[in-house]
């Protein structure tokens, strides 16, 4: 902790491009072969639904920035960032 100069939260949104492309392909394939197309579209929809935002605790040091913690829980991450900031303040 003695080398840490600042702490911040970082939010990483999932990349949904490939899921949307697969969904469109599945719907296009469903025109000619309904079973295959619906299966592809359902898989793509499930993939899109399962993606979640990832939150990181970023620690800044003289050597650069690094991700110290990754979680899907925003509230937990905010508590960790607050506790780390308090530790830096109390350290002096």
N, C-alpha and C. Protein backbone atom coordinates (compact mmCIF):
# COMPACT_ATOMS: atom_id res chain seq x y z
N UNK A 1 0.81 -1.20 0.00
CA UNK A 1 0.00 0.00 0.00
C UNK A 1 0.85 1.26 0.00
N UNK A 2 2.11 1.17 0.40
CA UNK A 2 2.93 2.38 0.49
C UNK A 2 3.21 2.98 -0.88
N UNK A 3 3.18 2.20 -1.94
CA UNK A 3 3.45 2.71 -3.29
C UNK A 3 2.20 3.15 -4.03
N UNK A 4 1.02 2.87 -3.49
CA UNK A 4 -0.23 3.21 -4.17
C UNK A 4 -0.50 4.70 -4.01
N UNK A 5 -0.69 5.38 -5.13
CA UNK A 5 -0.96 6.82 -5.09
C UNK A 5 -2.44 7.15 -5.22
N UNK A 6 -3.18 6.32 -5.94
CA UNK A 6 -4.63 6.56 -6.06
C UNK A 6 -5.34 5.26 -6.40
N UNK A 7 -6.63 5.27 -6.11
CA UNK A 7 -7.50 4.11 -6.36
C UNK A 7 -8.73 4.61 -7.08
N UNK A 8 -9.16 3.88 -8.11
CA UNK A 8 -10.39 4.27 -8.79
C UNK A 8 -11.11 3.03 -9.30
N UNK A 9 -12.39 3.21 -9.53
CA UNK A 9 -13.22 2.14 -10.08
C UNK A 9 -13.25 2.29 -11.60
N UNK A 10 -13.27 1.17 -12.29
CA UNK A 10 -13.34 1.17 -13.75
C UNK A 10 -14.43 0.19 -14.17
N UNK A 11 -15.26 0.60 -15.11
CA UNK A 11 -16.37 -0.22 -15.58
C UNK A 11 -16.09 -0.68 -17.01
N UNK A 12 -16.12 -1.99 -17.23
CA UNK A 12 -15.88 -2.56 -18.55
C UNK A 12 -17.17 -3.18 -19.07
N UNK A 13 -17.74 -2.56 -20.06
CA UNK A 13 -18.99 -3.07 -20.65
C UNK A 13 -18.67 -4.23 -21.58
N UNK A 14 -19.54 -5.23 -21.64
CA UNK A 14 -19.29 -6.38 -22.53
C UNK A 14 -19.43 -5.98 -23.99
N UNK A 15 -18.68 -6.64 -24.85
CA UNK A 15 -18.77 -6.42 -26.29
C UNK A 15 -19.87 -7.33 -26.83
N UNK A 16 -20.94 -6.74 -27.27
CA UNK A 16 -22.11 -7.52 -27.71
C UNK A 16 -22.20 -7.64 -29.23
N UNK A 17 -21.20 -7.15 -29.96
CA UNK A 17 -21.26 -7.13 -31.42
C UNK A 17 -21.44 -8.53 -32.00
N UNK A 18 -20.62 -9.50 -31.55
CA UNK A 18 -20.69 -10.84 -32.14
C UNK A 18 -22.00 -11.54 -31.80
N UNK A 19 -22.57 -11.26 -30.64
CA UNK A 19 -23.87 -11.83 -30.30
C UNK A 19 -24.97 -11.29 -31.19
N UNK A 20 -24.91 -10.01 -31.50
CA UNK A 20 -25.91 -9.40 -32.38
C UNK A 20 -25.76 -9.93 -33.80
N UNK A 21 -24.51 -10.09 -34.25
CA UNK A 21 -24.26 -10.64 -35.58
C UNK A 21 -24.79 -12.08 -35.66
N UNK A 22 -24.51 -12.88 -34.65
CA UNK A 22 -25.00 -14.27 -34.64
C UNK A 22 -26.52 -14.33 -34.59
N UNK A 23 -27.14 -13.42 -33.86
CA UNK A 23 -28.60 -13.37 -33.80
C UNK A 23 -29.17 -13.04 -35.18
N UNK A 24 -28.58 -12.08 -35.86
CA UNK A 24 -29.04 -11.72 -37.20
C UNK A 24 -28.86 -12.88 -38.18
N UNK A 25 -27.73 -13.57 -38.09
CA UNK A 25 -27.48 -14.73 -38.97
C UNK A 25 -28.50 -15.82 -38.67
N UNK A 26 -28.77 -16.06 -37.39
CA UNK A 26 -29.76 -17.08 -37.02
C UNK A 26 -31.14 -16.77 -37.56
N UNK A 27 -31.51 -15.50 -37.49
CA UNK A 27 -32.83 -15.11 -38.03
C UNK A 27 -32.86 -15.24 -39.55
N UNK A 28 -31.75 -14.92 -40.21
CA UNK A 28 -31.68 -15.06 -41.67
C UNK A 28 -31.73 -16.54 -42.07
N UNK A 29 -31.04 -17.39 -41.34
CA UNK A 29 -31.04 -18.83 -41.64
C UNK A 29 -32.41 -19.44 -41.36
N UNK A 30 -33.15 -18.87 -40.40
CA UNK A 30 -34.47 -19.41 -40.04
C UNK A 30 -35.47 -19.31 -41.18
N UNK A 31 -35.21 -18.44 -42.14
CA UNK A 31 -36.13 -18.31 -43.28
C UNK A 31 -36.13 -19.60 -44.10
N UNK A 32 -34.94 -20.19 -44.32
CA UNK A 32 -34.84 -21.41 -45.14
C UNK A 32 -34.92 -22.68 -44.30
N UNK A 33 -34.24 -22.71 -43.17
CA UNK A 33 -34.25 -23.90 -42.30
C UNK A 33 -34.60 -23.45 -40.89
N UNK A 34 -35.87 -23.52 -40.53
CA UNK A 34 -36.33 -22.97 -39.26
C UNK A 34 -35.65 -23.56 -38.02
N UNK A 35 -35.42 -24.86 -38.00
CA UNK A 35 -34.85 -25.48 -36.80
C UNK A 35 -33.43 -24.97 -36.56
N UNK A 36 -32.60 -24.96 -37.58
CA UNK A 36 -31.22 -24.50 -37.44
C UNK A 36 -31.17 -23.02 -37.12
N UNK A 37 -31.98 -22.24 -37.82
CA UNK A 37 -31.99 -20.81 -37.61
C UNK A 37 -32.44 -20.42 -36.22
N UNK A 38 -33.49 -21.06 -35.74
CA UNK A 38 -33.99 -20.76 -34.40
C UNK A 38 -32.98 -21.21 -33.35
N UNK A 39 -32.29 -22.32 -33.61
CA UNK A 39 -31.26 -22.77 -32.67
C UNK A 39 -30.12 -21.77 -32.58
N UNK A 40 -29.66 -21.27 -33.72
CA UNK A 40 -28.59 -20.27 -33.73
C UNK A 40 -29.05 -19.00 -33.04
N UNK A 41 -30.26 -18.55 -33.35
CA UNK A 41 -30.79 -17.33 -32.76
C UNK A 41 -30.96 -17.48 -31.24
N UNK A 42 -31.42 -18.64 -30.80
CA UNK A 42 -31.60 -18.87 -29.36
C UNK A 42 -30.25 -18.89 -28.65
N UNK A 43 -29.26 -19.52 -29.26
CA UNK A 43 -27.91 -19.52 -28.67
C UNK A 43 -27.34 -18.12 -28.58
N UNK A 44 -27.54 -17.33 -29.62
CA UNK A 44 -27.04 -15.95 -29.63
C UNK A 44 -27.77 -15.11 -28.58
N UNK A 45 -29.07 -15.30 -28.45
CA UNK A 45 -29.84 -14.56 -27.44
C UNK A 45 -29.37 -14.93 -26.04
N UNK A 46 -29.12 -16.20 -25.81
CA UNK A 46 -28.62 -16.65 -24.50
C UNK A 46 -27.25 -16.04 -24.22
N UNK A 47 -26.39 -16.02 -25.23
CA UNK A 47 -25.06 -15.42 -25.09
C UNK A 47 -25.18 -13.94 -24.72
N UNK A 48 -26.05 -13.21 -25.40
CA UNK A 48 -26.25 -11.79 -25.10
C UNK A 48 -26.79 -11.59 -23.69
N UNK A 49 -27.70 -12.45 -23.28
CA UNK A 49 -28.31 -12.34 -21.95
C UNK A 49 -27.30 -12.62 -20.84
N UNK A 50 -26.38 -13.55 -21.08
CA UNK A 50 -25.44 -13.98 -20.03
C UNK A 50 -24.28 -12.99 -19.84
N UNK A 51 -24.03 -12.10 -20.78
CA UNK A 51 -22.94 -11.16 -20.64
C UNK A 51 -23.26 -10.12 -19.57
N UNK A 52 -22.28 -9.83 -18.72
CA UNK A 52 -22.46 -8.86 -17.65
C UNK A 52 -21.31 -7.87 -17.65
N UNK A 53 -21.57 -6.71 -17.09
CA UNK A 53 -20.54 -5.69 -16.96
C UNK A 53 -19.53 -6.13 -15.91
N UNK A 54 -18.25 -5.92 -16.20
CA UNK A 54 -17.17 -6.25 -15.27
C UNK A 54 -16.64 -4.95 -14.67
N UNK A 55 -16.47 -4.96 -13.35
CA UNK A 55 -15.96 -3.80 -12.64
C UNK A 55 -14.56 -4.11 -12.11
N UNK A 56 -13.66 -3.12 -12.20
CA UNK A 56 -12.26 -3.30 -11.79
C UNK A 56 -11.90 -2.24 -10.75
N UNK A 57 -11.03 -2.62 -9.80
CA UNK A 57 -10.38 -1.67 -8.92
C UNK A 57 -9.02 -1.40 -9.54
N UNK A 58 -8.78 -0.16 -9.93
CA UNK A 58 -7.53 0.22 -10.56
C UNK A 58 -6.64 0.92 -9.54
N UNK A 59 -5.44 0.40 -9.35
CA UNK A 59 -4.47 0.99 -8.44
C UNK A 59 -3.41 1.71 -9.26
N UNK A 60 -3.18 2.99 -8.94
CA UNK A 60 -2.14 3.76 -9.62
C UNK A 60 -0.92 3.83 -8.72
N UNK A 61 0.24 3.49 -9.28
CA UNK A 61 1.52 3.56 -8.58
C UNK A 61 2.49 4.33 -9.45
N UNK A 62 3.69 4.50 -8.97
CA UNK A 62 4.70 5.19 -9.78
C UNK A 62 5.06 4.38 -11.02
N UNK A 63 4.83 3.08 -10.98
CA UNK A 63 5.12 2.21 -12.11
C UNK A 63 3.99 2.12 -13.13
N UNK A 64 2.86 2.71 -12.84
CA UNK A 64 1.72 2.67 -13.76
C UNK A 64 0.45 2.23 -13.06
N UNK A 65 -0.55 1.87 -13.87
CA UNK A 65 -1.84 1.44 -13.34
C UNK A 65 -2.00 -0.05 -13.50
N UNK A 66 -2.66 -0.67 -12.52
CA UNK A 66 -2.91 -2.10 -12.59
C UNK A 66 -4.28 -2.42 -12.03
N UNK A 67 -4.89 -3.46 -12.55
CA UNK A 67 -6.19 -3.91 -12.06
C UNK A 67 -5.96 -4.87 -10.90
N UNK A 68 -6.46 -4.50 -9.72
CA UNK A 68 -6.21 -5.29 -8.52
C UNK A 68 -7.36 -6.24 -8.20
N UNK A 69 -8.57 -5.91 -8.66
CA UNK A 69 -9.74 -6.73 -8.34
C UNK A 69 -10.72 -6.62 -9.49
N UNK A 70 -11.34 -7.75 -9.84
CA UNK A 70 -12.39 -7.77 -10.85
C UNK A 70 -13.62 -8.43 -10.26
N UNK A 71 -14.79 -7.85 -10.50
CA UNK A 71 -16.03 -8.42 -9.99
C UNK A 71 -17.19 -7.96 -10.85
N UNK A 72 -18.31 -8.67 -10.73
CA UNK A 72 -19.55 -8.27 -11.40
C UNK A 72 -20.42 -7.45 -10.46
N UNK A 73 -20.04 -7.32 -9.22
CA UNK A 73 -20.86 -6.65 -8.20
C UNK A 73 -20.39 -5.22 -7.99
N UNK A 74 -21.19 -4.27 -8.47
CA UNK A 74 -20.82 -2.86 -8.41
C UNK A 74 -20.76 -2.34 -6.96
N UNK A 75 -21.71 -2.74 -6.13
CA UNK A 75 -21.76 -2.27 -4.75
C UNK A 75 -20.52 -2.73 -3.97
N UNK A 76 -20.15 -3.98 -4.15
CA UNK A 76 -18.97 -4.53 -3.49
C UNK A 76 -17.72 -3.75 -3.91
N UNK A 77 -17.61 -3.49 -5.20
CA UNK A 77 -16.46 -2.77 -5.70
C UNK A 77 -16.38 -1.37 -5.10
N UNK A 78 -17.51 -0.68 -4.98
CA UNK A 78 -17.52 0.66 -4.40
C UNK A 78 -17.06 0.63 -2.94
N UNK A 79 -17.44 -0.40 -2.21
CA UNK A 79 -17.00 -0.53 -0.82
C UNK A 79 -15.49 -0.75 -0.74
N UNK A 80 -14.94 -1.56 -1.64
CA UNK A 80 -13.51 -1.81 -1.65
C UNK A 80 -12.76 -0.53 -2.00
N UNK A 81 -13.23 0.21 -2.99
CA UNK A 81 -12.58 1.47 -3.38
C UNK A 81 -12.60 2.45 -2.22
N UNK A 82 -13.73 2.56 -1.53
CA UNK A 82 -13.83 3.46 -0.39
C UNK A 82 -12.87 3.06 0.72
N UNK A 83 -12.79 1.78 1.02
CA UNK A 83 -11.89 1.30 2.07
C UNK A 83 -10.42 1.55 1.69
N UNK A 84 -10.07 1.35 0.44
CA UNK A 84 -8.70 1.60 0.01
C UNK A 84 -8.36 3.09 0.06
N UNK A 85 -9.31 3.93 -0.34
CA UNK A 85 -9.08 5.38 -0.26
C UNK A 85 -8.91 5.83 1.19
N UNK A 86 -9.69 5.27 2.11
CA UNK A 86 -9.54 5.60 3.53
C UNK A 86 -8.17 5.14 4.05
N UNK A 87 -7.71 3.98 3.60
CA UNK A 87 -6.40 3.48 4.02
C UNK A 87 -5.29 4.41 3.53
N UNK A 88 -5.42 4.92 2.31
CA UNK A 88 -4.42 5.86 1.79
C UNK A 88 -4.43 7.15 2.60
N UNK A 89 -5.61 7.66 2.94
CA UNK A 89 -5.72 8.89 3.73
C UNK A 89 -5.11 8.69 5.11
N UNK A 90 -5.42 7.59 5.77
CA UNK A 90 -4.91 7.34 7.13
C UNK A 90 -3.41 7.05 7.14
N UNK A 91 -2.90 6.56 6.02
CA UNK A 91 -1.47 6.28 5.92
C UNK A 91 -0.67 7.57 6.00
N UNK A 92 -1.23 8.63 5.41
CA UNK A 92 -0.57 9.94 5.49
C UNK A 92 0.17 10.34 4.29
